N, C-alpha and C. Protein backbone atom coordinates (compact mmCIF):
# COMPACT_ATOMS: atom_id res chain seq x y z
N MET A 1 91.85 126.64 139.12
CA MET A 1 92.03 126.81 137.73
C MET A 1 92.19 124.77 138.21
N THR A 2 91.69 124.18 136.54
CA THR A 2 91.53 122.61 136.74
C THR A 2 92.80 122.32 136.40
N ASN A 3 93.02 121.06 137.40
CA ASN A 3 93.90 120.51 137.16
C ASN A 3 93.90 119.31 136.28
N TYR A 4 94.29 119.39 134.68
CA TYR A 4 94.50 118.14 133.86
C TYR A 4 94.70 116.94 134.34
N PHE A 5 96.10 116.87 135.07
CA PHE A 5 96.40 115.90 135.32
C PHE A 5 95.87 115.09 136.28
N ASP A 6 95.28 115.74 137.63
CA ASP A 6 94.57 115.14 138.47
C ASP A 6 93.67 114.23 137.97
N LEU A 7 92.56 114.98 136.67
CA LEU A 7 91.44 114.24 136.33
C LEU A 7 92.45 113.41 135.26
N TYR A 8 92.86 113.43 134.32
CA TYR A 8 93.44 111.99 133.88
C TYR A 8 94.60 111.03 135.01
N GLU A 9 94.91 111.23 136.37
CA GLU A 9 95.00 110.95 136.84
C GLU A 9 96.95 110.23 136.93
N GLN A 10 97.59 111.41 135.85
CA GLN A 10 98.92 111.68 135.68
C GLN A 10 99.42 112.09 136.43
N PRO A 11 100.78 112.63 136.67
CA PRO A 11 102.21 112.83 137.17
C PRO A 11 102.23 114.58 136.04
N VAL A 12 102.24 114.97 137.17
CA VAL A 12 102.37 116.67 136.27
C VAL A 12 103.94 116.71 135.59
N ARG A 13 103.99 116.57 134.32
CA ARG A 13 105.42 116.32 133.68
C ARG A 13 104.97 117.20 131.87
N PHE A 14 105.91 117.53 131.69
CA PHE A 14 106.28 118.09 130.54
C PHE A 14 106.04 116.69 129.01
N SER A 15 106.26 115.59 129.78
CA SER A 15 106.12 114.83 128.51
C SER A 15 105.14 113.73 128.80
N PRO A 16 103.96 113.80 129.51
CA PRO A 16 103.21 112.85 129.46
C PRO A 16 103.08 111.52 129.02
N ASP A 17 102.23 110.84 129.28
CA ASP A 17 102.49 109.50 129.05
C ASP A 17 100.98 109.28 127.92
N ALA A 18 101.53 109.30 126.68
CA ALA A 18 100.49 110.00 125.55
C ALA A 18 99.25 108.42 125.39
N ALA A 19 99.65 107.38 125.30
CA ALA A 19 98.75 106.16 125.69
C ALA A 19 98.39 106.24 126.90
N ALA A 20 98.19 106.72 127.63
CA ALA A 20 97.59 106.96 129.22
C ALA A 20 96.66 107.87 129.07
N VAL A 21 97.08 109.33 128.73
CA VAL A 21 96.38 110.20 128.16
C VAL A 21 94.82 109.85 127.25
N LYS A 22 95.31 109.13 126.18
CA LYS A 22 94.56 108.78 125.78
C LYS A 22 93.79 108.06 126.20
N THR A 23 94.11 106.94 126.44
CA THR A 23 93.42 106.34 126.98
C THR A 23 91.82 106.84 127.89
N LYS A 24 92.51 107.72 128.84
CA LYS A 24 91.51 108.38 129.79
C LYS A 24 90.64 109.57 129.46
N PHE A 25 91.01 109.79 128.30
CA PHE A 25 90.50 110.62 127.42
C PHE A 25 89.11 110.04 126.71
N TYR A 26 89.30 108.79 126.21
CA TYR A 26 88.41 108.16 125.88
C TYR A 26 87.41 107.56 126.75
N GLU A 27 87.87 106.80 127.91
CA GLU A 27 86.90 106.63 129.21
C GLU A 27 85.99 107.82 129.36
N LEU A 28 86.93 109.23 129.76
CA LEU A 28 85.96 110.36 129.81
C LEU A 28 84.81 110.25 129.20
N SER A 29 85.22 110.99 127.61
CA SER A 29 84.52 110.88 126.67
C SER A 29 83.30 109.62 126.82
N ARG A 30 83.57 108.81 126.87
CA ARG A 30 82.37 107.91 126.83
C ARG A 30 81.98 107.95 128.29
N ARG A 31 81.85 108.30 129.47
CA ARG A 31 81.23 108.82 130.62
C ARG A 31 80.50 109.98 130.50
N TYR A 32 81.08 110.96 130.25
CA TYR A 32 80.30 111.94 130.18
C TYR A 32 79.89 112.33 128.68
N HIS A 33 79.60 111.90 127.87
CA HIS A 33 78.66 112.34 126.78
C HIS A 33 77.83 112.86 126.81
N PRO A 34 76.99 113.55 126.21
CA PRO A 34 76.09 114.35 126.79
C PRO A 34 74.65 113.66 126.15
N ASP A 35 74.93 112.74 125.50
CA ASP A 35 73.99 111.60 124.36
C ASP A 35 73.55 111.06 125.96
N ARG A 36 74.53 110.61 126.57
CA ARG A 36 73.81 109.71 127.78
C ARG A 36 73.05 110.18 128.78
N PHE A 37 72.86 111.50 128.57
CA PHE A 37 72.36 112.33 129.97
C PHE A 37 70.95 113.06 129.44
N THR A 38 70.76 112.46 127.71
CA THR A 38 69.30 113.48 127.43
C THR A 38 67.89 113.28 127.95
N MET A 39 68.03 112.28 129.05
CA MET A 39 66.69 112.04 129.74
C MET A 39 67.09 112.46 131.13
N ALA A 40 68.19 112.68 131.51
CA ALA A 40 68.62 113.37 133.09
C ALA A 40 67.81 114.77 133.59
N ASP A 41 68.08 115.17 134.38
CA ASP A 41 67.32 116.28 135.16
C ASP A 41 68.42 117.85 133.96
N ASP A 42 68.16 118.93 134.55
CA ASP A 42 68.70 119.86 133.90
C ASP A 42 69.56 119.96 134.80
N ALA A 43 70.07 119.75 135.72
CA ALA A 43 71.52 120.19 136.53
C ALA A 43 72.55 118.68 136.02
N THR A 44 72.09 117.66 135.85
CA THR A 44 73.10 116.48 135.33
C THR A 44 73.23 116.61 134.05
N ARG A 45 72.69 117.44 133.39
CA ARG A 45 72.90 117.25 131.58
C ARG A 45 74.16 118.60 131.95
N ALA A 46 74.05 120.11 132.56
CA ALA A 46 75.05 120.57 132.77
C ALA A 46 76.32 120.22 133.06
N GLU A 47 76.06 119.40 133.97
CA GLU A 47 77.42 118.91 134.71
C GLU A 47 78.08 118.30 133.56
N ALA A 48 77.40 117.21 132.88
CA ALA A 48 77.85 116.38 131.64
C ALA A 48 78.35 116.87 131.03
N LEU A 49 77.58 118.18 130.48
CA LEU A 49 78.45 118.94 129.24
C LEU A 49 79.89 119.66 129.67
N ARG A 50 79.42 120.02 130.70
CA ARG A 50 80.87 120.90 131.31
C ARG A 50 82.05 119.72 131.52
N MET A 51 81.56 118.46 131.84
CA MET A 51 82.71 117.27 132.31
C MET A 51 83.47 117.10 130.87
N SER A 52 82.49 117.06 130.01
CA SER A 52 82.23 117.12 128.43
C SER A 52 83.96 118.04 127.69
N ALA A 53 83.58 118.96 127.92
CA ALA A 53 84.35 120.28 127.71
C ALA A 53 85.36 119.99 128.24
N MET A 54 85.33 120.27 129.44
CA MET A 54 86.85 119.53 130.64
C MET A 54 88.05 119.02 129.90
N ASN A 55 87.22 117.48 129.42
CA ASN A 55 87.96 116.53 128.93
C ASN A 55 88.45 116.85 127.71
N ASN A 56 87.69 117.41 126.95
CA ASN A 56 88.23 117.88 125.48
C ASN A 56 89.11 118.55 125.78
N ASP A 57 88.94 119.93 126.89
CA ASP A 57 90.16 120.74 126.67
C ASP A 57 91.42 119.93 127.35
N ALA A 58 91.40 119.20 128.36
CA ALA A 58 91.99 118.84 128.85
C ALA A 58 93.20 117.86 127.44
N TYR A 59 92.47 117.49 127.21
CA TYR A 59 93.29 116.16 125.92
C TYR A 59 93.75 117.05 124.56
N LYS A 60 93.26 118.21 124.39
CA LYS A 60 93.89 119.43 123.37
C LYS A 60 95.05 119.88 124.10
N THR A 61 95.18 120.08 125.62
CA THR A 61 96.00 120.39 126.19
C THR A 61 97.07 119.85 126.13
N LEU A 62 96.86 118.93 126.99
CA LEU A 62 98.01 117.80 127.06
C LEU A 62 98.53 116.93 125.77
N ASN A 63 98.17 117.55 124.91
CA ASN A 63 98.85 117.18 123.71
C ASN A 63 99.52 117.70 122.97
N SER A 64 99.43 119.02 123.15
CA SER A 64 100.67 120.02 122.35
C SER A 64 101.26 120.72 123.36
N ALA A 65 102.60 120.42 123.10
CA ALA A 65 103.97 120.60 123.90
C ALA A 65 103.66 122.28 124.04
N ASP A 66 103.25 122.84 122.97
CA ASP A 66 103.48 124.93 123.05
C ASP A 66 102.35 125.02 124.70
N ALA A 67 101.01 124.55 124.45
CA ALA A 67 99.64 124.39 125.12
C ALA A 67 100.38 124.42 126.82
N LEU A 68 101.07 122.68 126.75
CA LEU A 68 101.21 122.01 127.60
C LEU A 68 102.08 122.91 128.75
N MET A 69 103.26 123.41 128.23
CA MET A 69 103.91 124.32 128.49
C MET A 69 103.48 125.54 129.24
N ALA A 70 102.74 125.87 128.65
CA ALA A 70 101.84 127.31 129.12
C ALA A 70 100.96 126.58 130.51
N TYR A 71 100.55 125.77 130.01
CA TYR A 71 99.42 125.45 131.17
C TYR A 71 100.45 124.95 132.97
N ILE A 72 101.46 124.12 132.14
CA ILE A 72 102.20 123.68 133.69
C ILE A 72 102.83 125.09 134.25
N LEU A 73 103.14 126.28 133.33
CA LEU A 73 103.92 127.31 133.78
C LEU A 73 102.40 127.62 134.80
N LYS A 74 101.09 127.95 134.31
CA LYS A 74 100.28 128.44 135.01
C LYS A 74 99.62 127.99 136.12
N LEU A 75 100.13 126.78 135.78
CA LEU A 75 99.31 125.33 137.12
C LEU A 75 100.45 125.68 138.20
N HIS A 76 101.59 126.47 138.00
CA HIS A 76 102.83 126.64 139.39
C HIS A 76 102.86 128.14 139.21
N GLY A 77 102.09 128.86 138.50
CA GLY A 77 102.22 130.18 139.55
C GLY A 77 102.87 130.93 138.61
N VAL A 78 103.53 130.66 137.73
CA VAL A 78 104.94 131.42 137.36
C VAL A 78 104.46 132.61 135.88
N LEU A 79 103.49 131.96 135.34
CA LEU A 79 102.93 132.79 134.25
C LEU A 79 101.31 133.06 134.03
N GLU A 80 100.91 134.39 134.00
CA GLU A 80 100.53 134.51 133.90
C GLU A 80 99.41 134.87 133.19
N GLU A 81 97.82 134.79 132.71
CA GLU A 81 97.02 135.11 131.53
C GLU A 81 97.49 136.19 131.03
N GLU A 82 97.80 136.97 129.83
CA GLU A 82 98.41 137.57 128.94
C GLU A 82 99.20 138.86 129.03
N GLU A 83 100.29 138.26 130.37
CA GLU A 83 101.26 138.45 130.85
C GLU A 83 101.92 139.04 129.45
N LYS A 84 102.75 140.26 129.80
CA LYS A 84 103.77 141.02 129.13
C LYS A 84 105.08 140.36 129.23
N TYR A 85 106.01 139.89 128.70
CA TYR A 85 107.56 139.77 129.05
C TYR A 85 108.20 140.01 128.37
N ASN A 86 109.22 140.48 128.88
CA ASN A 86 110.86 141.41 128.53
C ASN A 86 111.78 140.18 128.28
N LEU A 87 112.20 140.05 127.49
CA LEU A 87 112.82 139.16 126.80
C LEU A 87 114.37 139.56 126.82
N PRO A 88 115.17 138.60 127.05
CA PRO A 88 116.62 139.35 127.30
C PRO A 88 117.03 139.74 126.12
N PRO A 89 118.00 141.46 126.31
CA PRO A 89 118.27 141.69 125.45
C PRO A 89 119.20 140.75 123.98
N ALA A 90 120.21 140.49 124.54
CA ALA A 90 121.16 139.72 124.31
C ALA A 90 120.00 138.60 122.92
N PHE A 91 119.15 138.25 123.92
CA PHE A 91 118.15 137.39 122.41
C PHE A 91 117.69 138.17 121.36
N LEU A 92 117.27 139.21 122.32
CA LEU A 92 116.59 140.35 121.08
C LEU A 92 117.60 140.80 120.16
N MET A 93 118.89 140.76 120.46
CA MET A 93 119.96 141.47 119.48
C MET A 93 119.99 140.30 118.32
N GLU A 94 119.60 138.53 118.62
CA GLU A 94 119.73 137.87 118.00
C GLU A 94 118.64 138.04 116.71
N MET A 95 117.09 138.28 117.38
CA MET A 95 116.52 138.24 116.46
C MET A 95 116.18 139.63 115.33
N MET A 96 117.43 140.40 115.93
CA MET A 96 117.37 141.75 114.98
C MET A 96 117.99 141.04 113.50
N ASP A 97 118.70 140.36 113.34
CA ASP A 97 119.31 140.02 112.04
C ASP A 97 118.60 138.97 111.46
N LEU A 98 117.88 138.40 112.21
CA LEU A 98 116.52 137.63 111.08
C LEU A 98 115.72 138.66 110.84
N ASN A 99 115.12 139.69 111.87
CA ASN A 99 114.03 140.57 111.44
C ASN A 99 114.80 140.99 110.57
N GLU A 100 115.62 142.02 110.21
CA GLU A 100 116.64 142.52 109.15
C GLU A 100 116.39 141.44 107.99
N THR A 101 116.52 140.53 107.82
CA THR A 101 116.49 139.47 106.65
C THR A 101 115.23 139.61 106.40
N LEU A 102 113.96 139.19 106.97
CA LEU A 102 113.10 139.06 106.48
C LEU A 102 112.02 140.67 105.88
N SER A 103 112.26 141.22 106.44
CA SER A 103 112.02 142.87 105.67
C SER A 103 112.70 143.16 104.68
N ASP A 104 113.99 142.34 104.64
CA ASP A 104 114.90 142.56 103.38
C ASP A 104 114.19 141.63 102.09
N TYR A 105 113.80 140.57 102.38
CA TYR A 105 113.07 139.67 101.63
C TYR A 105 111.52 140.76 101.30
N GLU A 106 110.62 140.84 102.23
CA GLU A 106 109.15 141.31 102.26
C GLU A 106 109.50 142.77 101.51
N MET A 107 110.60 143.52 101.42
CA MET A 107 111.56 144.36 100.10
C MET A 107 111.16 144.10 99.15
N GLU A 108 111.60 143.10 98.72
CA GLU A 108 112.49 142.27 97.81
C GLU A 108 111.63 140.63 97.41
N PRO A 109 110.56 140.26 97.36
CA PRO A 109 109.84 139.21 97.34
C PRO A 109 110.40 137.94 96.19
N ALA A 110 110.73 138.99 95.00
CA ALA A 110 111.63 137.95 93.80
C ALA A 110 112.87 137.41 94.72
N ASN A 111 113.59 137.51 95.72
CA ASN A 111 114.64 137.47 96.04
C ASN A 111 114.33 136.30 96.96
N THR A 112 114.60 135.13 96.05
CA THR A 112 114.50 133.61 97.44
C THR A 112 116.02 133.17 97.87
N GLY A 113 116.71 133.88 97.56
CA GLY A 113 118.09 133.85 98.74
C GLY A 113 117.95 134.65 100.03
N LEU A 114 117.18 135.63 100.13
CA LEU A 114 116.90 135.92 101.60
C LEU A 114 115.60 135.30 101.83
N GLN A 115 114.31 134.72 100.86
CA GLN A 115 113.43 133.69 101.47
C GLN A 115 114.21 132.28 102.46
N GLN A 116 115.34 132.10 101.60
CA GLN A 116 116.02 131.29 101.78
C GLN A 116 117.11 131.19 103.24
N GLN A 117 117.58 132.12 103.08
CA GLN A 117 118.25 132.58 104.18
C GLN A 117 117.29 132.93 105.90
N ALA A 118 116.35 133.74 105.46
CA ALA A 118 115.29 133.84 106.35
C ALA A 118 114.58 132.76 107.05
N GLN A 119 114.68 131.92 106.26
CA GLN A 119 114.27 130.49 106.60
C GLN A 119 115.22 129.75 107.33
N THR A 120 116.35 129.87 106.96
CA THR A 120 117.46 128.75 107.78
C THR A 120 117.58 129.57 108.86
N MET A 121 117.74 130.63 108.90
CA MET A 121 118.08 131.40 109.94
C MET A 121 116.72 131.25 111.18
N LEU A 122 115.48 130.92 111.01
CA LEU A 122 114.80 131.04 111.86
C LEU A 122 114.66 129.45 112.46
N GLN A 123 114.66 128.70 111.05
CA GLN A 123 115.03 127.04 111.51
C GLN A 123 116.48 126.86 112.43
N THR A 124 117.57 127.25 112.42
CA THR A 124 118.49 127.61 113.39
C THR A 124 118.07 128.05 114.95
N GLN A 125 117.17 129.19 114.92
CA GLN A 125 116.92 129.40 115.70
C GLN A 125 116.03 128.43 116.75
N LEU A 126 115.07 127.87 116.09
CA LEU A 126 114.33 126.68 116.44
C LEU A 126 114.82 125.63 117.17
N GLN A 127 115.77 124.96 116.27
CA GLN A 127 116.36 124.16 116.48
C GLN A 127 117.34 124.10 117.85
N GLU A 128 118.15 125.70 117.80
CA GLU A 128 118.48 125.89 119.46
C GLU A 128 117.59 125.85 120.80
N TRP A 129 116.69 126.25 120.24
CA TRP A 129 115.83 126.81 121.19
C TRP A 129 115.14 125.30 121.89
N GLN A 130 115.00 124.27 120.65
CA GLN A 130 114.93 122.85 120.99
C GLN A 130 115.87 122.27 121.91
N ASP A 131 117.41 122.18 121.85
CA ASP A 131 118.70 121.93 122.02
C ASP A 131 118.41 122.32 123.43
N ALA A 132 118.33 124.00 123.98
CA ALA A 132 117.85 124.60 125.05
C ALA A 132 116.88 123.99 126.63
N ILE A 133 116.16 123.95 125.61
CA ILE A 133 114.48 123.50 126.68
C ILE A 133 113.99 122.19 127.20
N ALA A 134 115.08 121.15 125.94
CA ALA A 134 114.86 119.61 125.97
C ALA A 134 115.69 119.52 127.96
N PRO A 135 116.51 119.58 128.01
CA PRO A 135 117.44 119.54 129.50
C PRO A 135 116.50 120.16 130.81
N LEU A 136 116.32 121.25 130.43
CA LEU A 136 115.61 122.07 131.51
C LEU A 136 113.82 121.29 131.76
N LEU A 137 113.45 120.86 130.47
CA LEU A 137 112.30 119.73 130.50
C LEU A 137 112.59 118.25 131.22
N ASP A 138 113.31 118.13 131.02
CA ASP A 138 113.85 116.22 131.57
C ASP A 138 114.16 116.78 132.50
N ARG A 139 115.03 117.93 133.46
CA ARG A 139 114.56 117.77 134.84
C ARG A 139 113.85 118.25 135.22
N PHE A 140 112.83 118.95 135.07
CA PHE A 140 111.54 119.05 135.71
C PHE A 140 110.75 117.53 135.71
N ASP A 141 110.64 116.78 134.70
CA ASP A 141 110.23 115.62 134.67
C ASP A 141 110.67 114.89 135.63
N ASN A 142 111.61 114.64 136.35
CA ASN A 142 112.94 114.07 136.86
C ASN A 142 112.57 114.52 137.97
N GLY A 143 112.10 114.98 138.75
CA GLY A 143 111.65 116.09 139.92
C GLY A 143 112.01 117.06 140.70
N ASP A 144 112.81 118.25 139.70
CA ASP A 144 113.45 119.46 140.18
C ASP A 144 112.35 120.02 139.58
N GLN A 145 111.33 120.75 140.60
CA GLN A 145 110.10 121.23 139.77
C GLN A 145 110.52 122.91 140.76
N SER A 146 111.33 123.07 141.27
CA SER A 146 111.82 124.12 141.65
C SER A 146 111.24 125.46 141.05
N ASN A 147 111.15 126.72 141.93
CA ASN A 147 110.79 127.99 140.95
C ASN A 147 111.79 128.47 139.65
N GLU A 148 113.23 128.21 140.36
CA GLU A 148 114.14 128.82 139.16
C GLU A 148 113.95 127.95 138.16
N LEU A 149 113.83 126.81 138.17
CA LEU A 149 113.61 126.11 136.94
C LEU A 149 112.28 126.25 136.19
N LEU A 150 111.68 126.50 136.81
CA LEU A 150 110.23 127.06 136.01
C LEU A 150 110.12 128.27 135.33
N LEU A 151 110.78 129.04 135.77
CA LEU A 151 111.28 130.38 135.83
C LEU A 151 112.34 130.45 134.57
N GLN A 152 113.31 129.57 134.45
CA GLN A 152 114.01 129.47 132.76
C GLN A 152 113.15 128.84 132.38
N ILE A 153 112.22 127.98 132.25
CA ILE A 153 111.01 127.19 131.44
C ILE A 153 110.22 128.31 130.50
N LYS A 154 109.51 129.08 131.71
CA LYS A 154 109.18 130.66 131.31
C LYS A 154 109.62 131.04 130.41
N ASP A 155 111.43 131.97 130.40
CA ASP A 155 111.93 132.21 129.48
C ASP A 155 111.79 131.90 128.44
N TYR A 156 112.07 130.44 128.30
CA TYR A 156 112.24 129.93 126.82
C TYR A 156 110.67 129.91 126.50
N TYR A 157 109.79 129.37 127.50
CA TYR A 157 108.65 129.68 126.58
C TYR A 157 107.69 131.02 125.64
N PHE A 158 108.52 132.00 126.62
CA PHE A 158 108.33 133.14 125.48
C PHE A 158 109.13 133.47 124.89
N ARG A 159 110.58 133.19 124.75
CA ARG A 159 111.28 133.00 123.38
C ARG A 159 110.93 131.85 122.23
N LYS A 160 110.33 131.15 122.03
CA LYS A 160 109.46 130.28 121.47
C LYS A 160 108.31 131.24 120.90
N LYS A 161 107.46 131.70 121.79
CA LYS A 161 106.24 132.57 121.30
C LYS A 161 106.54 133.46 120.33
N TYR A 162 108.26 134.44 120.41
CA TYR A 162 108.44 135.12 119.59
C TYR A 162 109.23 134.40 118.06
N LEU A 163 109.80 133.67 118.18
CA LEU A 163 109.96 133.16 117.38
C LEU A 163 108.76 132.81 116.40
N LEU A 164 107.59 131.92 116.61
CA LEU A 164 106.47 131.23 116.60
C LEU A 164 105.99 132.41 115.79
N ARG A 165 105.93 133.97 116.34
CA ARG A 165 105.35 135.51 115.63
C ARG A 165 106.04 135.38 114.18
N ILE A 166 107.61 135.14 114.08
CA ILE A 166 107.97 135.32 113.30
C ILE A 166 107.83 134.34 112.02
N GLN A 167 107.67 133.17 112.44
CA GLN A 167 107.41 132.17 111.60
C GLN A 167 106.06 132.15 110.63
N GLU A 168 105.33 132.98 111.64
CA GLU A 168 103.49 133.31 111.49
C GLU A 168 103.56 134.58 110.02
N ARG A 169 104.15 135.25 110.54
CA ARG A 169 104.68 136.62 109.49
C ARG A 169 105.34 136.30 108.40
N MET A 170 106.53 135.35 108.49
CA MET A 170 107.09 134.21 107.40
C MET A 170 105.97 133.75 106.13
N ASP A 171 105.36 132.58 106.73
CA ASP A 171 103.99 132.10 106.11
C ASP A 171 102.90 132.75 105.73
N THR A 172 102.49 134.15 106.28
CA THR A 172 102.09 134.99 105.36
C THR A 172 102.34 136.05 104.51
N PHE A 173 103.38 135.88 104.65
CA PHE A 173 103.97 136.73 103.30
C PHE A 173 104.17 135.88 102.47
N ALA A 174 104.31 134.68 102.66
CA ALA A 174 105.20 133.87 101.32
C ALA A 174 103.57 132.96 100.97
N SER A 175 102.67 133.09 101.74
CA SER A 175 101.35 132.93 100.98
C SER A 175 100.22 134.07 99.86
N ARG A 176 101.00 134.94 100.34
CA ARG A 176 100.88 136.54 100.37
C ARG A 176 101.14 136.79 98.45
N ASN A 177 102.55 136.04 98.68
CA ASN A 177 103.08 136.10 97.45
C ASN A 177 103.72 135.34 96.72
N ALA A 178 102.23 134.11 96.89
CA ALA A 178 102.61 132.92 96.02
C ALA A 178 101.70 132.71 94.62
């Protein structure tokens, strides 16, 4: 796995220096832009193209909080590609109320009260998620890169994925019924 932090000469952090990341992106973009290698041999052109693609992937990852979280967890070996994760039963019980409210709204799309209630419940859950994850990410960025902490972050990563699926379900239903 390519280490984007090494490529960008940055420490591994959940909050990388945005200005430094942007500067490095433009530097590498100029250095490896395929147009600079049109007269080069096939191997050199292929390497420039590979580096250009890697630079684009690194920039996109380092600028997306969700992608960055997954990337750091994979980098530390605590998250596997396509991993099936069992969320805590207490969290799933909390989600049951939200899912039931959303299902009720889907059965009665004219009931804007149910729609508002589902949206409020989801926003509350997302804010609670943000409030819970922020101190964990700060601990990591301040040097605690223990496996125990990474496993806690992984749990919150999967909770957010669950919440985002509900958000997507709500958005899809709302757009179909607009």
